[in-house]
Amino acid sequence: MNRDDMPLGFGMALAQNYNAMSFFTNLSTDQQQQVLNQTQSIGSRDEMQAFIEQLAKGNTNFIG
């Protein structure tokens, strides 16, 4: 995964949450891509924070 492939808002929010970053980096490349695909529908900072909090909890409901 190239950091240029990561949406800026997601990358910034991820960098602020160690647990979410750890969870994301331990996913397979395909799973990481699924997470990134989910970020495309996020329309606000609050929604992104909620999404990051779910990652920090290890929530994989959105990963197929």
C-alpha atoms as a PDB file:
ATOM      1  CA  MET A   1       0.000   0.000   0.000  1.00  0.00           C
ATOM      2  CA  ASN A   2       1.399   3.317  -1.075  1.00  0.00           C
ATOM      3  CA  ARG A   3       0.631   6.331   1.078  1.00  0.00           C
ATOM      4  CA  ASP A   4      -0.267   8.219  -2.122  1.00  0.00           C
ATOM      5  CA  ASP A   5      -3.195   5.787  -2.492  1.00  0.00           C
ATOM      6  CA  MET A   6      -4.594   6.802   0.882  1.00  0.00           C
ATOM      7  CA  PRO A   7      -7.143   9.640   1.073  1.00  0.00           C
ATOM      8  CA  LEU A   8      -5.659  12.566   2.999  1.00  0.00           C
ATOM      9  CA  GLY A   9      -8.466  12.812   5.577  1.00  0.00           C
ATOM     10  CA  PHE A  10      -8.282   9.109   6.318  1.00  0.00           C
ATOM     11  CA  GLY A  11      -4.508   9.169   6.632  1.00  0.00           C
ATOM     12  CA  MET A  12      -4.584  12.127   9.002  1.00  0.00           C
ATOM     13  CA  ALA A  13      -7.309  10.606  11.169  1.00  0.00           C
ATOM     14  CA  LEU A  14      -5.543   7.245  11.188  1.00  0.00           C
ATOM     15  CA  ALA A  15      -2.274   8.854  12.264  1.00  0.00           C
ATOM     16  CA  GLN A  16      -4.035  10.301  15.309  1.00  0.00           C
ATOM     17  CA  ASN A  17      -5.280   6.936  16.563  1.00  0.00           C
ATOM     18  CA  TYR A  18      -2.605   4.335  17.301  1.00  0.00           C
ATOM     19  CA  ASN A  19      -5.052   1.457  17.742  1.00  0.00           C
ATOM     20  CA  ALA A  20      -6.767   2.157  14.430  1.00  0.00           C
ATOM     21  CA  MET A  21      -3.434   2.510  12.648  1.00  0.00           C
ATOM     22  CA  SER A  22      -2.177  -0.735  14.130  1.00  0.00           C
ATOM     23  CA  PHE A  23      -5.350  -2.548  13.127  1.00  0.00           C
ATOM     24  CA  PHE A  24      -5.251  -1.148   9.585  1.00  0.00           C
ATOM     25  CA  THR A  25      -1.588  -1.938   8.992  1.00  0.00           C
ATOM     26  CA  ASN A  26      -2.139  -5.533  10.108  1.00  0.00           C
ATOM     27  CA  LEU A  27      -4.880  -6.102   7.523  1.00  0.00           C
ATOM     28  CA  SER A  28      -4.121  -7.839   4.251  1.00  0.00           C
ATOM     29  CA  THR A  29      -3.687  -5.627   1.186  1.00  0.00           C
ATOM     30  CA  ASP A  30      -7.146  -6.646  -0.042  1.00  0.00           C
ATOM     31  CA  GLN A  31      -8.714  -5.796   3.316  1.00  0.00           C
ATOM     32  CA  GLN A  32      -6.906  -2.446   3.394  1.00  0.00           C
ATOM     33  CA  GLN A  33      -8.319  -1.700  -0.053  1.00  0.00           C
ATOM     34  CA  GLN A  34     -11.813  -2.554   1.177  1.00  0.00           C
ATOM     35  CA  VAL A  35     -11.355  -0.121   4.062  1.00  0.00           C
ATOM     36  CA  LEU A  36     -10.147   2.572   1.656  1.00  0.00           C
ATOM     37  CA  ASN A  37     -13.149   1.921  -0.578  1.00  0.00           C
ATOM     38  CA  GLN A  38     -15.395   2.535   2.428  1.00  0.00           C
ATOM     39  CA  THR A  39     -13.797   5.926   3.039  1.00  0.00           C
ATOM     40  CA  GLN A  40     -15.063   7.128  -0.347  1.00  0.00           C
ATOM     41  CA  SER A  41     -18.590   7.464   1.052  1.00  0.00           C
ATOM     42  CA  ILE A  42     -17.532   9.413   4.157  1.00  0.00           C
ATOM     43  CA  GLY A  43     -18.641  13.005   3.847  1.00  0.00           C
ATOM     44  CA  SER A  44     -17.609  14.740   7.053  1.00  0.00           C
ATOM     45  CA  ARG A  45     -14.878  14.907   9.649  1.00  0.00           C
ATOM     46  CA  ASP A  46     -17.247  13.530  12.280  1.00  0.00           C
ATOM     47  CA  GLU A  47     -18.098  10.547  10.092  1.00  0.00           C
ATOM     48  CA  MET A  48     -14.392   9.907   9.525  1.00  0.00           C
ATOM     49  CA  GLN A  49     -13.701  10.034  13.257  1.00  0.00           C
ATOM     50  CA  ALA A  50     -16.508   7.538  13.880  1.00  0.00           C
ATOM     51  CA  PHE A  51     -15.084   5.280  11.159  1.00  0.00           C
ATOM     52  CA  ILE A  52     -11.606   5.484  12.704  1.00  0.00           C
ATOM     53  CA  GLU A  53     -13.039   4.659  16.122  1.00  0.00           C
ATOM     54  CA  GLN A  54     -14.582   1.515  14.643  1.00  0.00           C
ATOM     55  CA  LEU A  55     -11.195   0.527  13.226  1.00  0.00           C
ATOM     56  CA  ALA A  56      -9.600   1.140  16.627  1.00  0.00           C
ATOM     57  CA  LYS A  57     -12.087  -1.312  18.136  1.00  0.00           C
ATOM     58  CA  GLY A  58     -11.206  -3.911  15.502  1.00  0.00           C
ATOM     59  CA  ASN A  59     -14.618  -3.689  13.883  1.00  0.00           C
ATOM     60  CA  THR A  60     -14.514  -5.617  10.621  1.00  0.00           C
ATOM     61  CA  ASN A  61     -18.226  -5.486   9.745  1.00  0.00           C
ATOM     62  CA  PHE A  62     -17.442  -3.446   6.635  1.00  0.00           C
ATOM     63  CA  ILE A  63     -14.732  -5.826   5.399  1.00  0.00           C
ATOM     64  CA  GLY A  64     -16.036  -8.570   3.124  1.00  0.00           C
END
